[in-house]
């Protein structure tokens, strides 16, 4: 699977619909059937997983122990926000009101490719997130990639 890359800013219409960039749509595996599962992300954004990747996520989540309190809490939280959405003929998805409110999305959305998922942010919230990052890009790469 090719990963989702890049970013773009799009308008959000009054019905909560936002376009997914063509280059990201073209990275969809045919097994996804133009369908995504959207759910609450981290850092006040919406995660958008292609259906084929979401099925893998469900297997991972389903393998968590129901005897573990944190595993149950995580499962509840990710699944309570989850909703399936299919691209319309214009390459748009409809965001749920709850996720729009959670992420603080208004009339614009920043669409980011994040390898196995797409992230949808309020552009101002994303800018604030970038400004809050304590590590510069090189330091972060060194820490995460072990270089």
N, C-alpha and C. Protein backbone atom coordinates (compact mmCIF):
# COMPACT_ATOMS: atom_id res chain seq x y z
N UNK A 1 0.84 -1.19 0.00
CA UNK A 1 0.00 0.00 0.00
C UNK A 1 0.88 1.24 0.00
N UNK A 2 0.59 2.16 -0.89
CA UNK A 2 1.26 3.46 -0.88
C UNK A 2 0.69 4.27 0.27
N UNK A 3 1.56 4.98 0.94
CA UNK A 3 1.10 5.77 2.07
C UNK A 3 0.50 7.09 1.63
N UNK A 4 -0.33 7.65 2.50
CA UNK A 4 -0.90 8.97 2.25
C UNK A 4 0.15 10.01 2.55
N UNK A 5 0.34 10.97 1.62
CA UNK A 5 1.37 11.99 1.74
C UNK A 5 0.79 13.36 1.47
N UNK A 6 1.51 14.38 1.93
CA UNK A 6 1.18 15.75 1.59
C UNK A 6 0.12 16.35 2.48
N UNK A 7 -0.28 17.55 2.10
CA UNK A 7 -1.33 18.26 2.84
C UNK A 7 -2.02 19.24 1.89
N UNK A 8 -3.22 19.60 2.26
CA UNK A 8 -4.00 20.57 1.49
C UNK A 8 -5.05 21.16 2.41
N UNK A 9 -5.45 22.37 2.11
CA UNK A 9 -6.51 23.01 2.88
C UNK A 9 -7.74 23.12 1.98
N UNK A 10 -8.88 22.70 2.52
CA UNK A 10 -10.13 22.71 1.78
C UNK A 10 -11.23 23.35 2.61
N UNK A 11 -12.24 23.82 1.92
CA UNK A 11 -13.42 24.36 2.60
C UNK A 11 -14.28 23.22 3.12
N UNK A 12 -14.98 23.50 4.20
CA UNK A 12 -15.97 22.57 4.74
C UNK A 12 -17.32 23.23 4.51
N UNK A 13 -18.23 22.53 3.85
CA UNK A 13 -19.53 23.16 3.57
C UNK A 13 -20.45 23.07 4.79
N UNK A 14 -21.62 23.66 4.66
CA UNK A 14 -22.56 23.75 5.79
C UNK A 14 -23.07 22.38 6.24
N UNK A 15 -22.91 21.36 5.39
CA UNK A 15 -23.33 20.00 5.75
C UNK A 15 -22.18 19.18 6.33
N UNK A 16 -21.01 19.81 6.53
CA UNK A 16 -19.87 19.10 7.09
C UNK A 16 -19.10 18.28 6.08
N UNK A 17 -19.29 18.55 4.80
CA UNK A 17 -18.58 17.80 3.76
C UNK A 17 -17.26 18.49 3.42
N UNK A 18 -16.24 17.66 3.23
CA UNK A 18 -14.92 18.16 2.85
C UNK A 18 -14.33 17.23 1.80
N UNK A 19 -13.63 17.82 0.83
CA UNK A 19 -13.01 17.02 -0.22
C UNK A 19 -11.73 16.38 0.28
N UNK A 20 -11.47 15.20 -0.21
CA UNK A 20 -10.21 14.51 0.04
C UNK A 20 -9.36 14.73 -1.22
N UNK A 21 -8.11 15.21 -1.05
CA UNK A 21 -7.28 15.50 -2.22
C UNK A 21 -7.17 14.31 -3.17
N UNK A 22 -7.15 14.62 -4.47
CA UNK A 22 -7.09 13.57 -5.49
C UNK A 22 -5.88 12.67 -5.31
N UNK A 23 -4.72 13.23 -4.95
CA UNK A 23 -3.53 12.38 -4.80
C UNK A 23 -3.68 11.41 -3.63
N UNK A 24 -4.46 11.79 -2.62
CA UNK A 24 -4.72 10.87 -1.51
C UNK A 24 -5.75 9.83 -1.91
N UNK A 25 -6.76 10.25 -2.66
CA UNK A 25 -7.76 9.28 -3.14
C UNK A 25 -7.09 8.25 -4.03
N UNK A 26 -6.11 8.67 -4.83
CA UNK A 26 -5.46 7.72 -5.74
C UNK A 26 -4.57 6.73 -4.98
N UNK A 27 -4.20 7.05 -3.74
CA UNK A 27 -3.40 6.13 -2.92
C UNK A 27 -4.26 5.07 -2.24
N UNK A 28 -5.58 5.18 -2.35
CA UNK A 28 -6.47 4.19 -1.73
C UNK A 28 -6.32 2.83 -2.40
N UNK A 29 -6.23 1.81 -1.60
CA UNK A 29 -6.22 0.44 -2.08
C UNK A 29 -7.63 0.12 -2.60
N UNK A 30 -7.76 -0.56 -3.73
CA UNK A 30 -9.10 -0.92 -4.21
C UNK A 30 -9.94 -1.68 -3.17
N UNK A 31 -9.28 -2.39 -2.25
CA UNK A 31 -10.00 -3.13 -1.21
C UNK A 31 -10.74 -2.21 -0.24
N UNK A 32 -10.38 -0.92 -0.23
CA UNK A 32 -11.05 0.03 0.66
C UNK A 32 -12.43 0.41 0.13
N UNK A 33 -12.70 0.14 -1.15
CA UNK A 33 -14.00 0.45 -1.76
C UNK A 33 -14.42 1.91 -1.57
N UNK A 34 -13.45 2.83 -1.66
CA UNK A 34 -13.70 4.27 -1.48
C UNK A 34 -14.36 4.59 -0.14
N UNK A 35 -14.12 3.73 0.83
CA UNK A 35 -14.75 3.87 2.14
C UNK A 35 -13.69 4.03 3.22
N UNK A 36 -14.01 4.88 4.18
CA UNK A 36 -13.13 5.14 5.32
C UNK A 36 -13.89 4.92 6.61
N UNK A 37 -13.15 4.69 7.67
CA UNK A 37 -13.70 4.79 9.01
C UNK A 37 -13.03 6.00 9.64
N UNK A 38 -13.85 6.92 10.10
CA UNK A 38 -13.31 8.10 10.77
C UNK A 38 -13.55 7.94 12.27
N UNK A 39 -12.61 8.46 13.04
CA UNK A 39 -12.73 8.38 14.48
C UNK A 39 -11.92 9.52 15.10
N UNK A 40 -12.08 9.66 16.38
CA UNK A 40 -11.34 10.68 17.11
C UNK A 40 -9.85 10.36 17.05
N UNK A 41 -9.08 11.34 16.67
CA UNK A 41 -7.64 11.17 16.64
C UNK A 41 -7.00 11.72 17.89
N UNK A 42 -5.70 11.80 17.85
CA UNK A 42 -4.95 12.40 18.95
C UNK A 42 -4.67 13.85 18.59
N UNK A 43 -4.35 14.65 19.58
CA UNK A 43 -3.99 16.05 19.34
C UNK A 43 -5.10 16.86 18.68
N UNK A 44 -6.37 16.56 18.98
CA UNK A 44 -7.52 17.33 18.50
C UNK A 44 -7.68 17.29 16.98
N UNK A 45 -7.55 16.11 16.39
CA UNK A 45 -7.81 15.96 14.97
C UNK A 45 -8.69 14.73 14.74
N UNK A 46 -9.13 14.56 13.51
CA UNK A 46 -9.93 13.40 13.11
C UNK A 46 -9.02 12.46 12.34
N UNK A 47 -9.05 11.17 12.69
CA UNK A 47 -8.33 10.15 11.94
C UNK A 47 -9.29 9.55 10.93
N UNK A 48 -8.80 9.37 9.72
CA UNK A 48 -9.57 8.80 8.63
C UNK A 48 -8.78 7.60 8.10
N UNK A 49 -9.27 6.39 8.42
CA UNK A 49 -8.60 5.15 7.99
C UNK A 49 -9.33 4.56 6.80
N UNK A 50 -8.60 4.16 5.75
CA UNK A 50 -9.26 3.42 4.66
C UNK A 50 -9.83 2.12 5.23
N UNK A 51 -10.93 1.67 4.66
CA UNK A 51 -11.62 0.50 5.19
C UNK A 51 -10.71 -0.71 5.34
N UNK A 52 -9.83 -0.96 4.38
CA UNK A 52 -8.95 -2.13 4.49
C UNK A 52 -8.00 -2.00 5.68
N UNK A 53 -7.49 -0.81 5.94
CA UNK A 53 -6.61 -0.60 7.10
C UNK A 53 -7.42 -0.66 8.39
N UNK A 54 -8.65 -0.12 8.36
CA UNK A 54 -9.49 -0.16 9.56
C UNK A 54 -9.78 -1.60 9.98
N UNK A 55 -9.97 -2.48 9.01
CA UNK A 55 -10.21 -3.89 9.34
C UNK A 55 -9.02 -4.47 10.10
N UNK A 56 -7.81 -4.07 9.71
CA UNK A 56 -6.61 -4.50 10.44
C UNK A 56 -6.61 -3.90 11.84
N UNK A 57 -7.01 -2.64 11.95
CA UNK A 57 -7.09 -1.98 13.26
C UNK A 57 -8.08 -2.71 14.16
N UNK A 58 -9.23 -3.11 13.61
CA UNK A 58 -10.22 -3.82 14.41
C UNK A 58 -9.65 -5.14 14.93
N UNK A 59 -8.85 -5.81 14.11
CA UNK A 59 -8.22 -7.05 14.58
C UNK A 59 -7.26 -6.74 15.73
N UNK A 60 -6.47 -5.67 15.59
CA UNK A 60 -5.54 -5.29 16.66
C UNK A 60 -6.30 -4.93 17.94
N UNK A 61 -7.34 -4.13 17.79
CA UNK A 61 -8.14 -3.71 18.95
C UNK A 61 -8.86 -4.92 19.56
N UNK A 62 -9.38 -5.79 18.69
CA UNK A 62 -10.08 -6.98 19.16
C UNK A 62 -9.19 -7.95 19.91
N UNK A 63 -7.87 -7.87 19.68
CA UNK A 63 -6.96 -8.78 20.37
C UNK A 63 -6.54 -8.26 21.75
N UNK A 64 -6.96 -7.04 22.09
CA UNK A 64 -6.63 -6.50 23.41
C UNK A 64 -7.42 -7.25 24.48
N UNK A 65 -6.84 -7.37 25.64
CA UNK A 65 -7.48 -8.10 26.73
C UNK A 65 -8.64 -7.31 27.32
N UNK A 66 -9.79 -7.93 27.38
CA UNK A 66 -10.94 -7.29 28.02
C UNK A 66 -10.79 -7.27 29.53
N UNK A 67 -9.78 -7.95 30.06
CA UNK A 67 -9.52 -7.94 31.50
C UNK A 67 -8.64 -6.76 31.91
N UNK A 68 -8.09 -6.05 30.92
CA UNK A 68 -7.23 -4.91 31.18
C UNK A 68 -8.06 -3.62 31.13
N UNK A 69 -8.09 -2.90 32.23
CA UNK A 69 -8.92 -1.69 32.35
C UNK A 69 -8.57 -0.66 31.27
N UNK A 70 -7.27 -0.41 31.03
CA UNK A 70 -6.86 0.58 30.03
C UNK A 70 -7.24 0.13 28.61
N UNK A 71 -7.12 -1.16 28.34
CA UNK A 71 -7.50 -1.69 27.02
C UNK A 71 -9.00 -1.49 26.79
N UNK A 72 -9.81 -1.74 27.83
CA UNK A 72 -11.26 -1.52 27.70
C UNK A 72 -11.55 -0.05 27.47
N UNK A 73 -10.89 0.82 28.20
CA UNK A 73 -11.13 2.27 28.06
C UNK A 73 -10.75 2.75 26.67
N UNK A 74 -9.60 2.30 26.17
CA UNK A 74 -9.17 2.68 24.83
C UNK A 74 -10.15 2.17 23.78
N UNK A 75 -10.55 0.91 23.90
CA UNK A 75 -11.49 0.32 22.93
C UNK A 75 -12.79 1.11 22.90
N UNK A 76 -13.31 1.43 24.07
CA UNK A 76 -14.55 2.21 24.12
C UNK A 76 -14.39 3.56 23.44
N UNK A 77 -13.30 4.23 23.75
CA UNK A 77 -13.12 5.59 23.23
C UNK A 77 -12.93 5.62 21.72
N UNK A 78 -12.12 4.72 21.20
CA UNK A 78 -11.90 4.76 19.75
C UNK A 78 -13.15 4.31 18.99
N UNK A 79 -13.86 3.31 19.54
CA UNK A 79 -15.02 2.78 18.85
C UNK A 79 -16.26 3.66 18.99
N UNK A 80 -16.40 4.37 20.10
CA UNK A 80 -17.59 5.22 20.26
C UNK A 80 -17.61 6.38 19.27
N UNK A 81 -16.44 6.81 18.82
CA UNK A 81 -16.35 7.91 17.86
C UNK A 81 -16.34 7.41 16.42
N UNK A 82 -16.15 6.11 16.20
CA UNK A 82 -15.97 5.57 14.86
C UNK A 82 -17.26 5.60 14.05
N UNK A 83 -17.10 5.96 12.79
CA UNK A 83 -18.24 5.98 11.86
C UNK A 83 -17.70 5.73 10.46
N UNK A 84 -18.42 4.97 9.68
CA UNK A 84 -18.01 4.66 8.32
C UNK A 84 -18.55 5.71 7.36
N UNK A 85 -17.73 6.08 6.39
CA UNK A 85 -18.12 7.11 5.42
C UNK A 85 -17.52 6.74 4.06
N UNK A 86 -18.29 6.97 3.01
CA UNK A 86 -17.84 6.66 1.65
C UNK A 86 -17.71 7.95 0.86
N UNK A 87 -16.68 8.00 0.03
CA UNK A 87 -16.50 9.16 -0.84
C UNK A 87 -17.72 9.33 -1.74
N UNK A 88 -18.16 10.57 -1.90
CA UNK A 88 -19.25 10.81 -2.84
C UNK A 88 -18.68 11.01 -4.24
N UNK A 89 -19.52 11.29 -5.21
CA UNK A 89 -19.08 11.41 -6.60
C UNK A 89 -18.12 12.57 -6.83
N UNK A 90 -18.07 13.51 -5.87
CA UNK A 90 -17.16 14.66 -5.98
C UNK A 90 -15.92 14.50 -5.12
N UNK A 91 -15.70 13.29 -4.59
CA UNK A 91 -14.51 13.01 -3.80
C UNK A 91 -14.55 13.60 -2.40
N UNK A 92 -15.77 13.78 -1.86
CA UNK A 92 -15.93 14.36 -0.52
C UNK A 92 -16.41 13.30 0.45
N UNK A 93 -16.16 13.60 1.74
CA UNK A 93 -16.74 12.82 2.82
C UNK A 93 -17.54 13.76 3.70
N UNK A 94 -18.46 13.21 4.46
CA UNK A 94 -19.23 13.99 5.42
C UNK A 94 -18.71 13.68 6.81
N UNK A 95 -18.22 14.71 7.49
CA UNK A 95 -17.75 14.56 8.86
C UNK A 95 -18.93 14.59 9.81
N UNK A 96 -18.87 13.81 10.88
CA UNK A 96 -19.95 13.84 11.86
C UNK A 96 -19.86 15.12 12.68
N UNK A 97 -21.00 15.57 13.15
CA UNK A 97 -21.05 16.79 13.96
C UNK A 97 -20.16 16.66 15.19
N UNK A 98 -20.18 15.48 15.82
CA UNK A 98 -19.39 15.27 17.03
C UNK A 98 -17.90 15.40 16.76
N UNK A 99 -17.42 14.86 15.63
CA UNK A 99 -16.00 14.95 15.31
C UNK A 99 -15.61 16.36 14.90
N UNK A 100 -16.50 17.06 14.20
CA UNK A 100 -16.25 18.46 13.84
C UNK A 100 -16.08 19.28 15.11
N UNK A 101 -16.98 19.07 16.07
CA UNK A 101 -16.90 19.80 17.33
C UNK A 101 -15.65 19.43 18.12
N UNK A 102 -15.33 18.15 18.19
CA UNK A 102 -14.14 17.70 18.91
C UNK A 102 -12.87 18.37 18.35
N UNK A 103 -12.74 18.38 17.02
CA UNK A 103 -11.53 18.91 16.39
C UNK A 103 -11.57 20.43 16.22
N UNK A 104 -12.71 21.05 16.51
CA UNK A 104 -12.81 22.49 16.38
C UNK A 104 -12.80 22.97 14.93
N UNK A 105 -13.24 22.11 14.03
CA UNK A 105 -13.24 22.45 12.60
C UNK A 105 -14.40 23.38 12.31
N UNK A 106 -14.10 24.45 11.58
CA UNK A 106 -15.14 25.42 11.23
C UNK A 106 -15.39 25.38 9.73
N UNK A 107 -14.96 26.39 9.02
CA UNK A 107 -15.24 26.45 7.58
C UNK A 107 -14.09 25.97 6.71
N UNK A 108 -12.96 25.67 7.32
CA UNK A 108 -11.78 25.16 6.59
C UNK A 108 -11.24 23.93 7.31
N UNK A 109 -10.60 23.05 6.53
CA UNK A 109 -9.98 21.86 7.11
C UNK A 109 -8.62 21.65 6.47
N UNK A 110 -7.64 21.31 7.29
CA UNK A 110 -6.32 20.92 6.82
C UNK A 110 -6.33 19.40 6.72
N UNK A 111 -6.08 18.91 5.51
CA UNK A 111 -6.07 17.47 5.25
C UNK A 111 -4.60 17.05 5.14
N UNK A 112 -4.17 16.14 6.02
CA UNK A 112 -2.77 15.72 6.06
C UNK A 112 -2.65 14.23 5.78
N UNK A 113 -1.72 13.86 4.92
CA UNK A 113 -1.39 12.46 4.74
C UNK A 113 -0.51 12.01 5.89
N UNK A 114 -0.83 10.92 6.53
CA UNK A 114 -0.06 10.41 7.67
C UNK A 114 0.19 8.91 7.50
N UNK A 115 0.74 8.54 6.36
CA UNK A 115 1.09 7.19 5.97
C UNK A 115 -0.12 6.27 5.85
N UNK A 116 -0.58 5.65 6.95
CA UNK A 116 -1.68 4.68 6.84
C UNK A 116 -3.04 5.30 7.08
N UNK A 117 -3.07 6.61 7.33
CA UNK A 117 -4.33 7.30 7.59
C UNK A 117 -4.22 8.73 7.07
N UNK A 118 -5.36 9.37 7.06
CA UNK A 118 -5.44 10.80 6.76
C UNK A 118 -5.87 11.48 8.04
N UNK A 119 -5.28 12.63 8.33
CA UNK A 119 -5.69 13.40 9.49
C UNK A 119 -6.39 14.67 9.01
N UNK A 120 -7.47 15.04 9.70
CA UNK A 120 -8.21 16.24 9.36
C UNK A 120 -8.16 17.16 10.57
N UNK A 121 -7.66 18.36 10.36
CA UNK A 121 -7.44 19.34 11.42
C UNK A 121 -8.13 20.66 11.10
N UNK A 122 -8.45 21.40 12.12
CA UNK A 122 -8.75 22.81 11.95
C UNK A 122 -7.40 23.46 11.65
N UNK A 123 -7.29 24.28 10.58
CA UNK A 123 -5.98 24.85 10.22
C UNK A 123 -5.33 25.66 11.34
N UNK A 124 -6.11 26.40 12.10
CA UNK A 124 -5.53 27.18 13.20
C UNK A 124 -5.03 26.27 14.31
N UNK A 125 -5.77 25.21 14.59
CA UNK A 125 -5.35 24.26 15.62
C UNK A 125 -4.07 23.55 15.19
N UNK A 126 -3.95 23.24 13.89
CA UNK A 126 -2.73 22.59 13.41
C UNK A 126 -1.54 23.53 13.52
N UNK A 127 -1.73 24.78 13.18
CA UNK A 127 -0.66 25.78 13.31
C UNK A 127 -0.23 25.91 14.76
N UNK A 128 -1.19 25.94 15.67
CA UNK A 128 -0.87 26.01 17.11
C UNK A 128 -0.11 24.76 17.55
N UNK A 129 -0.52 23.60 17.06
CA UNK A 129 0.17 22.35 17.37
C UNK A 129 1.64 22.42 16.92
N UNK A 130 1.86 22.90 15.69
CA UNK A 130 3.23 23.01 15.19
C UNK A 130 4.06 23.97 16.04
N UNK A 131 3.45 25.05 16.46
CA UNK A 131 4.16 26.05 17.28
C UNK A 131 4.46 25.54 18.68
N UNK A 132 3.66 24.59 19.18
CA UNK A 132 3.86 24.04 20.52
C UNK A 132 4.92 22.95 20.55
N UNK A 133 5.22 22.36 19.39
CA UNK A 133 6.21 21.29 19.34
C UNK A 133 7.53 21.78 19.91
N UNK A 134 8.03 21.08 20.90
CA UNK A 134 9.26 21.51 21.56
C UNK A 134 10.52 21.11 20.77
N UNK A 135 10.48 20.00 20.09
CA UNK A 135 11.66 19.54 19.36
C UNK A 135 11.63 20.03 17.91
N UNK A 136 12.79 20.44 17.40
CA UNK A 136 12.84 20.79 15.98
C UNK A 136 12.81 19.51 15.16
N UNK A 137 12.62 19.65 13.87
CA UNK A 137 12.44 18.52 12.96
C UNK A 137 13.61 17.54 13.02
N UNK A 138 14.84 18.06 12.99
CA UNK A 138 16.03 17.20 13.00
C UNK A 138 16.14 16.41 14.31
N UNK A 139 15.88 17.08 15.43
CA UNK A 139 15.97 16.42 16.73
C UNK A 139 14.89 15.34 16.83
N UNK A 140 13.71 15.66 16.37
CA UNK A 140 12.62 14.69 16.39
C UNK A 140 12.96 13.46 15.54
N UNK A 141 13.48 13.69 14.33
CA UNK A 141 13.85 12.58 13.45
C UNK A 141 14.90 11.70 14.11
N UNK A 142 15.90 12.34 14.73
CA UNK A 142 16.95 11.57 15.39
C UNK A 142 16.40 10.72 16.52
N UNK A 143 15.49 11.30 17.29
CA UNK A 143 14.89 10.60 18.43
C UNK A 143 14.03 9.42 17.98
N UNK A 144 13.19 9.68 17.01
CA UNK A 144 12.22 8.67 16.57
C UNK A 144 12.86 7.60 15.69
N UNK A 145 13.72 8.02 14.78
CA UNK A 145 14.29 7.09 13.82
C UNK A 145 15.61 6.47 14.30
N UNK A 146 16.13 6.96 15.43
CA UNK A 146 17.33 6.38 16.02
C UNK A 146 18.59 6.62 15.20
N UNK A 147 18.66 7.73 14.56
CA UNK A 147 19.83 8.03 13.72
C UNK A 147 20.97 8.61 14.54
